[in-house]
Protein backbone atom coordinates (compact mmCIF):
# COMPACT_ATOMS: atom_id res chain seq x y z
CA UNK A 1 0.02 0.02 -0.03
CA UNK A 2 1.43 3.47 -0.99
CA UNK A 3 2.10 6.02 1.78
CA UNK A 4 0.66 9.47 1.70
CA UNK A 5 3.09 11.99 3.17
CA UNK A 6 6.30 10.29 2.36
CA UNK A 7 8.88 12.13 0.02
CA UNK A 8 9.89 10.15 -3.16
CA UNK A 9 10.98 10.64 -6.63
CA UNK A 10 8.15 10.87 -9.30
CA UNK A 11 8.69 10.18 -12.94
CA UNK A 12 6.26 11.05 -15.74
CA UNK A 13 5.78 9.02 -18.98
CA UNK A 14 8.50 11.03 -20.72
CA UNK A 15 11.14 10.36 -18.12
CA UNK A 16 11.04 13.84 -16.40
CA UNK A 17 11.52 13.62 -12.65
CA UNK A 18 10.74 15.47 -9.55
CA UNK A 19 11.11 14.94 -5.76
CA UNK A 20 7.82 15.57 -4.01
CA UNK A 21 5.42 14.36 -1.37
CA UNK A 22 2.22 12.57 -2.16
CA UNK A 23 -0.12 15.14 -0.40
CA UNK A 24 -3.40 13.50 -1.49
CA UNK A 25 -5.82 13.31 -4.36
CA UNK A 26 -7.80 15.74 -6.25
CA UNK A 27 -9.91 12.84 -7.56
CA UNK A 28 -9.38 9.25 -8.36
CA UNK A 29 -7.36 10.15 -11.59
CA UNK A 30 -5.32 13.12 -10.23
CA UNK A 31 -2.65 13.06 -7.45
CA UNK A 32 -1.66 16.11 -5.39
CA UNK A 33 2.10 16.46 -5.19
CA UNK A 34 3.92 18.99 -2.61
CA UNK A 35 7.08 20.00 -4.23
CA UNK A 36 10.19 20.92 -2.12
CA UNK A 37 9.30 24.51 -2.21
CA UNK A 38 6.03 23.82 -0.62
CA UNK A 39 3.78 24.21 -3.76
CA UNK A 40 0.96 21.72 -4.13
CA UNK A 41 0.35 20.67 -7.82
CA UNK A 42 -2.30 18.34 -9.40
CA UNK A 43 -0.83 15.84 -11.84
CA UNK A 44 -2.91 13.29 -13.80
CA UNK A 45 -2.16 9.74 -12.88
CA UNK A 46 -2.23 8.56 -16.39
CA UNK A 47 0.86 10.75 -17.32
CA UNK A 48 2.95 9.18 -14.62
CA UNK A 49 5.43 6.32 -15.36
CA UNK A 50 3.68 2.89 -14.94
CA UNK A 51 5.49 2.21 -11.63
CA UNK A 52 4.36 5.62 -10.09
CA UNK A 53 0.77 5.17 -11.52
CA UNK A 54 0.53 1.85 -9.80
CA UNK A 55 1.88 3.46 -6.66
CA UNK A 56 -0.60 6.27 -6.70
CA UNK A 57 -3.53 3.95 -7.43
CA UNK A 58 -2.66 1.78 -4.47
CA UNK A 59 -2.64 4.93 -2.23
CA UNK A 60 -5.93 6.30 -3.35
CA UNK A 61 -8.75 6.34 -0.83
CA UNK A 62 -12.14 7.60 -1.87
CA UNK A 63 -13.44 10.90 -0.47
CA UNK A 64 -16.61 11.08 1.38
CA UNK A 65 -19.54 12.20 -0.69
CA UNK A 66 -19.96 16.06 -1.31
CA UNK A 67 -23.13 17.69 -0.15
CA UNK A 68 -25.89 17.75 -2.66
CA UNK A 69 -25.67 20.94 -4.71
CA UNK A 70 -28.08 21.96 -7.54
CA UNK A 71 -25.35 23.13 -10.10
CA UNK A 72 -28.02 24.09 -12.61
CA UNK A 73 -29.54 26.78 -10.17
CA UNK A 74 -27.09 29.24 -8.53
CA UNK A 75 -28.22 31.29 -5.77
CA UNK A 76 -28.19 34.71 -7.78
CA UNK A 77 -28.60 38.21 -6.85
CA UNK A 78 -32.10 39.84 -7.11
CA UNK A 79 -30.24 43.26 -7.35
CA UNK A 80 -27.55 42.72 -9.94
CA UNK A 81 -28.35 41.29 -13.37
CA UNK A 82 -26.39 40.06 -16.33
CA UNK A 83 -28.46 40.48 -19.41
CA UNK A 84 -26.36 38.54 -21.73
CA UNK A 85 -22.94 37.50 -23.16
CA UNK A 86 -21.91 37.34 -26.68
CA UNK A 87 -18.94 37.61 -28.94
CA UNK A 88 -18.47 41.07 -30.44
CA UNK A 89 -15.95 43.40 -31.62
CA UNK A 90 -15.17 46.30 -29.38
CA UNK A 91 -16.75 49.51 -30.63
CA UNK A 92 -13.21 51.24 -30.41
CA UNK A 93 -9.92 50.80 -28.70
CA UNK A 94 -9.44 48.29 -25.89
CA UNK A 95 -6.45 48.23 -23.62
CA UNK A 96 -4.62 44.98 -23.41
CA UNK A 97 -1.30 43.95 -22.15
CA UNK A 98 0.12 44.26 -25.58
CA UNK A 99 -1.19 47.78 -25.96
CA UNK A 100 -4.35 49.50 -27.32
CA UNK A 101 -6.04 47.32 -30.00
CA UNK A 102 -8.80 48.65 -32.30
CA UNK A 103 -12.15 46.84 -32.73
CA UNK A 104 -10.75 43.42 -31.57
CA UNK A 105 -12.79 40.31 -30.78
CA UNK A 106 -14.29 40.47 -27.24
CA UNK A 107 -16.72 38.99 -25.00
CA UNK A 108 -19.38 41.68 -24.57
CA UNK A 109 -21.39 41.58 -21.29
CA UNK A 110 -24.56 43.70 -20.69
CA UNK A 111 -25.34 44.35 -16.99
CA UNK A 112 -27.74 46.15 -15.08
CA UNK A 113 -28.51 47.10 -11.42
CA UNK A 114 -32.18 46.37 -10.58
CA UNK A 115 -32.17 47.01 -6.73
CA UNK A 116 -34.52 49.21 -4.81
CA UNK A 117 -31.94 51.91 -4.25
CA UNK A 118 -31.14 54.65 -6.75
CA UNK A 119 -27.44 53.34 -7.20
CA UNK A 120 -25.13 50.73 -5.66
CA UNK A 121 -21.44 49.85 -5.97
CA UNK A 122 -20.48 46.81 -7.98
CA UNK A 123 -17.71 44.82 -9.68
CA UNK A 124 -17.66 43.13 -12.99
CA UNK A 125 -15.09 40.20 -13.29
CA UNK A 126 -14.44 37.66 -16.07
CA UNK A 127 -12.76 34.23 -15.76
CA UNK A 128 -11.56 32.27 -18.79
CA UNK A 129 -11.32 28.45 -18.59
CA UNK A 130 -9.79 25.93 -20.96
CA UNK A 131 -11.53 22.45 -22.00
CA UNK A 132 -9.97 20.81 -18.90
CA UNK A 133 -11.75 23.41 -16.60
CA UNK A 134 -8.46 25.17 -15.71
CA UNK A 135 -8.57 28.88 -15.41
CA UNK A 136 -6.21 30.46 -17.86
CA UNK A 137 -7.06 34.07 -17.69
CA UNK A 138 -9.07 36.47 -15.32
CA UNK A 139 -10.08 40.17 -15.42
CA UNK A 140 -10.78 41.77 -12.10
CA UNK A 141 -12.56 44.38 -14.00
CA UNK A 142 -13.22 45.49 -17.69
CA UNK A 143 -10.08 46.81 -19.26
CA UNK A 144 -9.95 50.64 -20.24
CA UNK A 145 -11.76 51.11 -23.47
CA UNK A 146 -12.75 53.90 -25.91
CA UNK A 147 -16.20 54.15 -27.65
CA UNK A 148 -16.71 54.45 -31.42
CA UNK A 149 -15.88 58.27 -31.08
CA UNK A 150 -12.56 57.50 -29.33
CA UNK A 151 -13.88 58.77 -26.08
CA UNK A 152 -12.81 56.94 -22.98
CA UNK A 153 -15.46 55.02 -21.28
CA UNK A 154 -15.08 54.84 -17.55
CA UNK A 155 -16.90 52.26 -15.43
CA UNK A 156 -18.97 53.98 -12.77
CA UNK A 157 -18.13 53.72 -9.02
CA UNK A 158 -21.82 53.18 -8.47
CA UNK A 159 -24.32 51.64 -10.85
CA UNK A 160 -27.60 53.64 -11.54
CA UNK A 161 -30.90 51.63 -11.13
CA UNK A 162 -32.23 50.43 -14.39
CA UNK A 163 -29.27 51.83 -16.39
CA UNK A 164 -27.75 49.08 -18.68
CA UNK A 165 -24.09 49.03 -19.18
CA UNK A 166 -21.95 47.23 -21.84
CA UNK A 167 -18.39 46.20 -21.10
CA UNK A 168 -15.83 44.23 -23.14
CA UNK A 169 -13.26 41.56 -22.17
CA UNK A 170 -10.74 41.12 -25.00
CA UNK A 171 -10.09 37.66 -26.68
CA UNK A 172 -6.46 37.96 -26.87
CA UNK A 173 -4.11 35.86 -28.91
CA UNK A 174 -3.04 34.09 -25.66
CA UNK A 175 -6.66 33.11 -25.01
CA UNK A 176 -7.19 31.83 -28.44
CA UNK A 177 -3.92 29.89 -28.40
CA UNK A 178 -4.73 28.65 -24.90
CA UNK A 179 -7.87 27.01 -26.50
CA UNK A 180 -10.35 28.80 -24.16
CA UNK A 181 -13.69 26.99 -23.81
CA UNK A 182 -15.72 28.81 -21.35
CA UNK A 183 -16.06 32.29 -19.86
CA UNK A 184 -17.64 33.09 -16.66
CA UNK A 185 -18.79 36.56 -15.82
CA UNK A 186 -19.93 37.80 -12.28
CA UNK A 187 -21.52 41.09 -11.45
CA UNK A 188 -22.25 42.20 -7.83
CA UNK A 189 -20.77 43.15 -4.54
CA UNK A 190 -19.89 41.50 -1.12
CA UNK A 191 -21.73 38.20 -1.26
CA UNK A 192 -24.38 39.25 -3.74
CA UNK A 193 -23.67 38.28 -7.29
CA UNK A 194 -25.23 37.33 -10.64
CA UNK A 195 -23.34 35.04 -12.82
CA UNK A 196 -23.41 34.07 -16.58
CA UNK A 197 -21.32 31.82 -18.74
CA UNK A 198 -20.72 31.38 -22.41
CA UNK A 199 -21.45 28.90 -23.57
CA UNK A 200 -24.12 28.19 -20.94
CA UNK A 201 -22.69 25.14 -19.12
CA UNK A 202 -22.68 23.61 -15.47
CA UNK A 203 -20.38 25.53 -13.15
CA UNK A 204 -19.57 22.39 -11.01
CA UNK A 205 -16.09 21.93 -12.39
CA UNK A 206 -15.09 25.56 -12.75
CA UNK A 207 -13.48 27.27 -9.72
CA UNK A 208 -13.65 31.09 -9.19
CA UNK A 209 -13.64 33.25 -6.02
CA UNK A 210 -17.52 34.08 -6.03
CA UNK A 211 -18.70 30.47 -6.43
CA UNK A 212 -19.11 29.81 -2.71
CA UNK A 213 -21.81 32.59 -2.63
CA UNK A 214 -23.51 31.32 -5.61
CA UNK A 215 -23.60 27.66 -4.42
CA UNK A 216 -24.11 27.48 -0.63
CA UNK A 217 -22.63 24.31 0.82
CA UNK A 218 -19.84 24.11 -1.65
CA UNK A 219 -16.52 23.88 -0.10
CA UNK A 220 -13.42 25.17 -1.73
CA UNK A 221 -10.42 22.65 -1.65
CA UNK A 222 -6.99 23.74 -0.64
CA UNK A 223 -6.02 24.11 -4.22
CA UNK A 224 -8.89 26.37 -5.08
CA UNK A 225 -8.11 30.11 -5.43
CA UNK A 226 -4.49 29.64 -4.26
CA UNK A 227 -3.04 29.79 -7.78
CA UNK A 228 -1.45 26.32 -7.08
CA UNK A 229 -3.05 24.80 -10.18
CA UNK A 230 -0.83 27.25 -12.16
CA UNK A 231 2.25 25.60 -10.75
CA UNK A 232 3.50 22.57 -12.42
CA UNK A 233 6.20 19.95 -11.61
CA UNK A 234 7.21 18.53 -14.88
CA UNK A 235 8.21 21.45 -17.12
CA UNK A 236 11.41 22.63 -18.60
CA UNK A 237 12.16 26.39 -18.92
CA UNK A 238 14.77 27.95 -21.27
CA UNK A 239 16.44 31.28 -22.16
CA UNK A 240 18.25 32.08 -25.32
CA UNK A 241 19.93 35.04 -27.08
CA UNK A 242 20.34 37.29 -24.08
CA UNK A 243 22.07 40.33 -25.31
CA UNK A 244 22.24 44.13 -25.56
CA UNK A 245 20.80 45.67 -28.66
CA UNK A 246 18.93 48.56 -30.08
CA UNK A 247 15.10 48.12 -30.64
CA UNK A 248 14.19 49.78 -33.95
CA UNK A 249 10.49 49.70 -33.40
CA UNK A 250 8.20 51.31 -30.67
CA UNK A 251 8.95 50.45 -27.04
CA UNK A 252 7.27 51.88 -24.01
CA UNK A 253 9.57 53.56 -21.47
CA UNK A 254 8.62 55.79 -18.60
CA UNK A 255 5.04 55.92 -20.08
CA UNK A 256 6.28 57.16 -23.52
CA UNK A 257 6.55 55.37 -26.93
CA UNK A 258 9.98 55.60 -28.04
CA UNK A 259 11.98 53.96 -30.96
CA UNK A 260 15.81 53.07 -31.55
CA UNK A 261 15.99 52.49 -27.69
CA UNK A 262 18.89 50.73 -26.19
CA UNK A 263 17.61 47.49 -24.54
CA UNK A 264 18.44 44.09 -23.42
CA UNK A 265 16.65 41.40 -25.35
CA UNK A 266 16.15 37.67 -25.10
CA UNK A 267 13.82 34.78 -25.99
CA UNK A 268 12.24 32.45 -23.39
CA UNK A 269 10.15 29.28 -23.56
CA UNK A 270 8.70 26.49 -21.63
CA UNK A 271 8.08 23.02 -22.80
CA UNK A 272 6.71 19.73 -21.22
CA UNK A 273 3.43 19.83 -19.28
CA UNK A 274 2.26 23.10 -20.65
CA UNK A 275 -0.81 24.81 -19.19
CA UNK A 276 -1.67 28.31 -20.45
CA UNK A 277 -0.22 30.73 -17.79
CA UNK A 278 1.83 33.96 -17.59
CA UNK A 279 5.46 33.49 -17.13
CA UNK A 280 7.61 35.75 -14.79
CA UNK A 281 10.46 37.43 -16.50
CA UNK A 282 12.77 39.79 -14.49
CA UNK A 283 16.13 41.48 -15.13
CA UNK A 284 18.96 42.46 -12.60
CA UNK A 285 21.86 44.76 -13.28
CA UNK A 286 25.07 44.42 -11.22
CA UNK A 287 28.13 46.58 -10.48
CA UNK A 288 31.63 45.53 -10.67
CA UNK A 289 31.34 44.38 -7.17
CA UNK A 290 28.37 42.38 -7.61
CA UNK A 291 25.88 44.84 -6.06
CA UNK A 292 22.44 45.03 -7.67
CA UNK A 293 21.88 48.63 -8.96
CA UNK A 294 18.59 47.96 -11.02
CA UNK A 295 15.82 45.35 -10.69
CA UNK A 296 13.18 45.27 -13.46
CA UNK A 297 10.23 43.38 -12.48
CA UNK A 298 8.73 42.88 -15.80
CA UNK A 299 9.63 43.40 -19.52
CA UNK A 300 8.92 46.64 -21.29
CA UNK A 301 5.84 46.56 -23.93
CA UNK A 302 7.51 46.53 -27.22
CA UNK A 303 6.31 46.53 -30.83
CA UNK A 304 7.31 43.54 -33.04
CA UNK A 305 8.68 44.06 -36.60
CA UNK A 306 6.78 47.32 -37.32
CA UNK A 307 3.43 45.64 -36.81
CA UNK A 308 0.60 46.67 -34.47
CA UNK A 309 1.40 43.82 -32.20
CA UNK A 310 3.19 44.42 -28.93
CA UNK A 311 4.66 41.89 -26.49
CA UNK A 312 5.41 42.31 -22.82
CA UNK A 313 5.48 39.60 -19.97
CA UNK A 314 5.13 36.29 -21.97
CA UNK A 315 1.67 34.34 -21.87
CA UNK A 316 2.66 30.86 -22.55
CA UNK A 317 0.08 28.48 -24.25
CA UNK A 318 2.50 26.30 -26.17
CA UNK A 319 6.33 25.59 -26.51
CA UNK A 320 7.00 28.61 -28.80
CA UNK A 321 9.89 31.05 -28.07
CA UNK A 322 8.59 34.44 -26.62
CA UNK A 323 10.68 37.63 -27.17
CA UNK A 324 11.17 39.88 -24.20
CA UNK A 325 12.72 43.30 -24.20
CA UNK A 326 13.90 45.66 -21.24
CA UNK A 327 14.48 49.10 -22.29
CA UNK A 328 17.65 50.81 -20.74
CA UNK A 329 17.73 54.18 -19.19
CA UNK A 330 20.59 56.71 -19.67
CA UNK A 331 22.18 55.82 -16.30
CA UNK A 332 22.55 52.08 -17.27
CA UNK A 333 23.83 52.98 -20.76
CA UNK A 334 26.24 55.69 -19.47
CA UNK A 335 27.76 53.79 -16.64
CA UNK A 336 28.08 50.68 -18.68
CA UNK A 337 27.47 48.27 -15.82
CA UNK A 338 29.22 44.90 -16.50
CA UNK A 339 26.72 42.19 -15.58
CA UNK A 340 23.02 41.68 -16.37
CA UNK A 341 21.10 38.64 -15.20
CA UNK A 342 17.78 37.48 -16.92
CA UNK A 343 15.48 35.37 -14.64
CA UNK A 344 12.53 33.38 -16.12
CA UNK A 345 9.87 31.47 -14.10
CA UNK A 346 6.95 29.36 -15.35
CA UNK A 347 4.59 27.29 -13.11
CA UNK A 348 7.21 27.06 -10.39
CA UNK A 349 10.15 26.15 -12.46
CA UNK A 350 12.99 28.86 -12.94
CA UNK A 351 16.09 29.44 -14.80
CA UNK A 352 18.56 32.30 -15.19
CA UNK A 353 21.30 33.39 -17.65
CA UNK A 354 24.07 36.02 -17.06
CA UNK A 355 25.64 38.40 -19.57
CA UNK A 356 28.90 39.78 -18.17
CA UNK A 357 31.84 41.63 -19.60
CA UNK A 358 33.94 40.67 -16.73
CA UNK A 359 33.25 36.97 -16.46
CA UNK A 360 30.91 37.03 -13.44
CA UNK A 361 28.87 33.84 -13.09
CA UNK A 362 25.49 33.12 -11.64
CA UNK A 363 27.04 31.39 -8.56
CA UNK A 364 28.90 34.57 -7.59
CA UNK A 365 25.69 36.56 -7.50
CA UNK A 366 22.69 37.09 -5.21
CA UNK A 367 19.17 38.14 -6.21
CA UNK A 368 15.56 37.23 -5.44
CA UNK A 369 14.52 33.85 -6.85
CA UNK A 370 18.03 32.44 -6.98
CA UNK A 371 17.09 29.56 -4.63
CA UNK A 372 14.40 28.41 -7.06
CA UNK A 373 17.13 27.66 -9.75
CA UNK A 374 18.20 24.46 -7.97
CA UNK A 375 14.56 23.03 -7.65
């Protein structure tokens, strides 16, 4: 009989290995593995090696039955109403992480406050899920947008009674590549929410923060809402072509769009057990003595090859290479610091490369996240 709680080396069907504790089971087909950094990740038993799959099946004990919940009838608000969701082009520009995009494909949500008060506060959120029910994108509110006359549309702090409002959530390239299958939109405040999905489907296997208010008696598992489903054990991460360059096209620096800007550039990618998720890319600059003088927590938004497309933090949906750019200010270019480190993390796995004119190595430097490189 397998032992839950014991640390062991797990191997997947492709030969990748990780040391982890069998924390338990999400269901009879999915183990929960606690990595050495404390992250708990789900992993399908069918993707394990035959020996580890047999070990997991021997260790499985069925969970007690969940409380009876009517998944077809959420307890919705009587004050907040979502009148419909549909695919629609935005009437004007919509702000995305790639920049402002014009008349792009969106999910349009029509909402209305129907309470007895003249007005009330509220929030509109959207959650996108793939075909496996994994959340691949969330919007804590509609992004900034312009109408057809290019006037900014501002979401009200309070919603007027009986006044319908249309908001747009962009269907970005990341979502399309991530093969999104369902979007869930909620509208309300506190514990009082309306909910709608497109296409209309049971919400039983979709997890989002407001679900506990819509389905009383449902209990969130320890994985739910913690982001741990976005952390994976059996993935590889890579960086290539990290170098100093001049970006010919537009790049955002200090809030301005500039061209021919000095920058550090590279390409990053993940492979293996890919789930659509955003990667973390950071850059550190060091003095001759190894002291950090600059820490950039995310790449600059940069135009690609003179097109209307911009890239910034990589959104990973497959094993493609993603370009990243860090614009350099005058201090960095004038003082010509010798050492730059690029750090890339995806689903709990991290790597880093160094570009140094004085031969400094990663081992000689100290920076946040370095401990993850050995995991």
